[in-house]
N, C-alpha and C. Protein backbone atom coordinates (compact mmCIF):
# COMPACT_ATOMS: atom_id res chain seq x y z
N MET A 1 -13.18 -7.69 -3.80
CA MET A 1 -12.18 -6.69 -4.06
C MET A 1 -12.79 -5.29 -3.93
N TYR A 2 -14.00 -5.11 -4.41
CA TYR A 2 -14.64 -3.80 -4.34
C TYR A 2 -14.75 -3.33 -2.89
N ASP A 3 -15.20 -4.21 -2.00
CA ASP A 3 -15.37 -3.83 -0.60
C ASP A 3 -14.03 -3.48 0.04
N ALA A 4 -12.97 -4.20 -0.28
CA ALA A 4 -11.63 -3.92 0.27
C ALA A 4 -11.17 -2.54 -0.15
N VAL A 5 -11.35 -2.19 -1.42
CA VAL A 5 -10.95 -0.88 -1.92
C VAL A 5 -11.81 0.21 -1.26
N THR A 6 -13.11 -0.06 -1.08
CA THR A 6 -14.00 0.91 -0.45
C THR A 6 -13.60 1.18 1.00
N VAL A 7 -13.28 0.12 1.74
CA VAL A 7 -12.85 0.27 3.14
C VAL A 7 -11.54 1.07 3.18
N PHE A 8 -10.59 0.74 2.30
CA PHE A 8 -9.33 1.48 2.25
C PHE A 8 -9.58 2.96 1.92
N ALA A 9 -10.44 3.22 0.96
CA ALA A 9 -10.75 4.59 0.57
C ALA A 9 -11.38 5.38 1.71
N HIS A 10 -12.28 4.76 2.46
CA HIS A 10 -12.90 5.43 3.62
C HIS A 10 -11.83 5.73 4.69
N GLY A 11 -10.95 4.78 4.95
CA GLY A 11 -9.89 5.00 5.93
C GLY A 11 -8.93 6.09 5.50
N LEU A 12 -8.55 6.10 4.22
CA LEU A 12 -7.63 7.11 3.70
C LEU A 12 -8.29 8.49 3.70
N SER A 13 -9.56 8.55 3.38
CA SER A 13 -10.29 9.81 3.38
C SER A 13 -10.37 10.38 4.80
N ALA A 14 -10.65 9.55 5.80
CA ALA A 14 -10.70 10.01 7.19
C ALA A 14 -9.34 10.49 7.64
N LEU A 15 -8.30 9.79 7.26
CA LEU A 15 -6.92 10.21 7.58
C LEU A 15 -6.60 11.57 6.95
N ASP A 16 -7.00 11.73 5.71
CA ASP A 16 -6.73 12.98 4.99
C ASP A 16 -7.45 14.16 5.62
N ARG A 17 -8.65 13.93 6.15
CA ARG A 17 -9.39 14.99 6.82
C ARG A 17 -8.76 15.43 8.14
N SER A 18 -8.04 14.52 8.79
CA SER A 18 -7.52 14.81 10.12
C SER A 18 -6.02 15.11 10.16
N HIS A 19 -5.31 14.81 9.08
CA HIS A 19 -3.87 15.02 9.04
C HIS A 19 -3.47 15.75 7.75
N LYS A 20 -2.39 16.43 7.80
CA LYS A 20 -1.81 16.95 6.56
C LYS A 20 -0.87 15.86 6.06
N LEU A 21 -1.30 15.18 5.02
CA LEU A 21 -0.51 14.07 4.51
C LEU A 21 0.68 14.58 3.72
N LYS A 22 1.82 13.93 3.93
CA LYS A 22 3.03 14.27 3.21
C LYS A 22 3.34 13.13 2.24
N LEU A 23 3.44 13.44 0.98
CA LEU A 23 3.79 12.41 0.00
C LEU A 23 5.25 12.02 0.17
N THR A 24 5.48 10.74 0.19
CA THR A 24 6.80 10.20 0.39
C THR A 24 7.03 9.04 -0.56
N ASN A 25 8.20 8.96 -1.11
CA ASN A 25 8.54 7.77 -1.93
C ASN A 25 8.73 6.59 -0.98
N LEU A 26 8.05 5.51 -1.26
CA LEU A 26 8.15 4.29 -0.47
C LEU A 26 8.70 3.17 -1.34
N SER A 27 9.34 2.22 -0.71
CA SER A 27 9.87 1.09 -1.44
C SER A 27 9.63 -0.20 -0.65
N CYS A 28 9.26 -1.23 -1.34
CA CYS A 28 9.11 -2.54 -0.71
C CYS A 28 10.47 -3.12 -0.31
N ASP A 29 11.54 -2.58 -0.89
CA ASP A 29 12.88 -3.06 -0.58
C ASP A 29 13.42 -2.44 0.69
N SER A 30 12.79 -1.39 1.17
CA SER A 30 13.24 -0.68 2.36
C SER A 30 12.33 -1.00 3.54
N GLU A 31 12.88 -1.07 4.72
CA GLU A 31 12.07 -1.36 5.92
C GLU A 31 11.72 -0.08 6.68
N ILE A 32 11.76 1.06 6.00
CA ILE A 32 11.39 2.31 6.62
C ILE A 32 9.88 2.49 6.47
N PRO A 33 9.16 2.54 7.59
CA PRO A 33 7.68 2.66 7.50
C PRO A 33 7.25 4.07 7.13
N TRP A 34 6.03 4.16 6.61
CA TRP A 34 5.40 5.43 6.32
C TRP A 34 4.93 6.01 7.64
N ASN A 35 5.25 7.27 7.91
CA ASN A 35 4.93 7.89 9.20
C ASN A 35 3.44 7.85 9.54
N ASP A 36 2.58 7.93 8.56
CA ASP A 36 1.14 7.93 8.81
C ASP A 36 0.51 6.55 8.69
N GLY A 37 1.34 5.52 8.55
CA GLY A 37 0.82 4.17 8.37
C GLY A 37 -0.02 3.66 9.52
N LEU A 38 0.42 3.89 10.75
CA LEU A 38 -0.34 3.42 11.89
C LEU A 38 -1.66 4.16 12.01
N SER A 39 -1.64 5.47 11.73
CA SER A 39 -2.89 6.24 11.75
C SER A 39 -3.85 5.71 10.69
N LEU A 40 -3.34 5.43 9.49
CA LEU A 40 -4.19 4.88 8.44
C LEU A 40 -4.77 3.55 8.88
N PHE A 41 -3.97 2.70 9.48
CA PHE A 41 -4.46 1.41 9.98
C PHE A 41 -5.59 1.64 10.96
N ASN A 42 -5.43 2.57 11.88
CA ASN A 42 -6.46 2.83 12.88
C ASN A 42 -7.74 3.35 12.26
N TYR A 43 -7.62 4.22 11.24
CA TYR A 43 -8.83 4.70 10.55
C TYR A 43 -9.51 3.57 9.79
N ILE A 44 -8.75 2.72 9.15
CA ILE A 44 -9.35 1.57 8.45
C ILE A 44 -10.04 0.65 9.47
N ASP A 45 -9.41 0.49 10.62
CA ASP A 45 -9.97 -0.36 11.67
C ASP A 45 -11.30 0.15 12.19
N SER A 46 -11.53 1.46 12.08
CA SER A 46 -12.77 2.03 12.61
C SER A 46 -13.89 2.12 11.55
N VAL A 47 -13.59 1.70 10.33
CA VAL A 47 -14.60 1.75 9.25
C VAL A 47 -15.74 0.76 9.56
N SER A 48 -16.94 1.23 9.37
CA SER A 48 -18.11 0.38 9.48
C SER A 48 -19.05 0.81 8.36
N LEU A 49 -19.35 -0.09 7.45
CA LEU A 49 -20.20 0.24 6.31
C LEU A 49 -20.87 -1.01 5.77
N THR A 50 -21.81 -0.80 4.90
CA THR A 50 -22.46 -1.90 4.19
C THR A 50 -21.92 -1.92 2.78
N GLY A 51 -21.21 -2.97 2.42
CA GLY A 51 -20.62 -3.11 1.11
C GLY A 51 -21.42 -4.08 0.27
N LEU A 52 -20.83 -4.49 -0.83
CA LEU A 52 -21.51 -5.46 -1.72
C LEU A 52 -21.70 -6.82 -1.04
N THR A 53 -20.80 -7.16 -0.09
CA THR A 53 -20.88 -8.45 0.59
C THR A 53 -21.66 -8.37 1.87
N GLY A 54 -22.18 -7.19 2.24
CA GLY A 54 -22.93 -7.04 3.47
C GLY A 54 -22.26 -6.08 4.41
N LYS A 55 -22.60 -6.18 5.69
CA LYS A 55 -22.06 -5.29 6.73
C LYS A 55 -20.57 -5.59 6.95
N ILE A 56 -19.76 -4.54 6.95
CA ILE A 56 -18.33 -4.68 7.16
C ILE A 56 -17.94 -3.86 8.38
N GLU A 57 -17.36 -4.55 9.37
CA GLU A 57 -16.78 -3.86 10.51
C GLU A 57 -15.66 -4.75 11.04
N PHE A 58 -14.77 -4.17 11.77
CA PHE A 58 -13.60 -4.92 12.22
C PHE A 58 -13.62 -5.08 13.72
N ASN A 59 -13.13 -6.23 14.16
CA ASN A 59 -13.04 -6.57 15.56
C ASN A 59 -11.69 -6.10 16.08
N ALA A 60 -11.67 -5.09 16.93
CA ALA A 60 -10.40 -4.55 17.43
C ALA A 60 -9.73 -5.47 18.45
N VAL A 61 -10.37 -6.54 18.84
CA VAL A 61 -9.77 -7.45 19.83
C VAL A 61 -8.63 -8.26 19.21
N SER A 62 -8.78 -8.68 17.98
CA SER A 62 -7.78 -9.53 17.35
C SER A 62 -7.49 -9.07 15.95
N TYR A 63 -6.26 -8.69 15.70
CA TYR A 63 -5.88 -8.22 14.37
C TYR A 63 -5.47 -9.36 13.45
N THR A 64 -5.44 -10.57 13.97
CA THR A 64 -5.04 -11.71 13.13
C THR A 64 -6.21 -12.34 12.41
N HIS A 65 -7.45 -12.07 12.89
CA HIS A 65 -8.61 -12.71 12.29
C HIS A 65 -9.67 -11.68 11.94
N LEU A 66 -9.29 -10.68 11.16
CA LEU A 66 -10.26 -9.68 10.73
C LEU A 66 -11.23 -10.34 9.76
N ARG A 67 -12.51 -10.03 9.92
CA ARG A 67 -13.47 -10.62 8.99
C ARG A 67 -14.69 -9.72 8.87
N ALA A 68 -15.35 -9.84 7.76
CA ALA A 68 -16.57 -9.08 7.53
C ALA A 68 -17.73 -9.88 8.14
N HIS A 69 -18.71 -9.18 8.66
CA HIS A 69 -19.88 -9.82 9.25
C HIS A 69 -21.02 -9.72 8.26
N GLU A 70 -21.61 -10.85 7.94
CA GLU A 70 -22.74 -10.86 7.02
C GLU A 70 -24.02 -10.59 7.80
N THR A 71 -24.89 -9.79 7.25
CA THR A 71 -26.13 -9.43 7.94
C THR A 71 -27.35 -10.16 7.38
N GLY A 72 -27.16 -11.12 6.50
CA GLY A 72 -28.28 -11.87 5.99
C GLY A 72 -29.05 -11.19 4.88
N ARG A 73 -28.32 -10.48 4.04
CA ARG A 73 -28.94 -9.81 2.92
C ARG A 73 -29.57 -10.81 1.99
């Protein structure tokens, strides 16, 4: 869980540095997407770091099988 939150935080921080984020009320009951959602996804996808579980990076080839790569710590 720690690594997931860290990756999300890095992605959100990168998005915040490059965009002026607009706060919007969102609802799970509505199918209206957040305008910056795709950008956030792309920033999360570009995160590469070493977390508690080892090296974390994402494979941009397939979004259905994202996985962390262990470096043999």
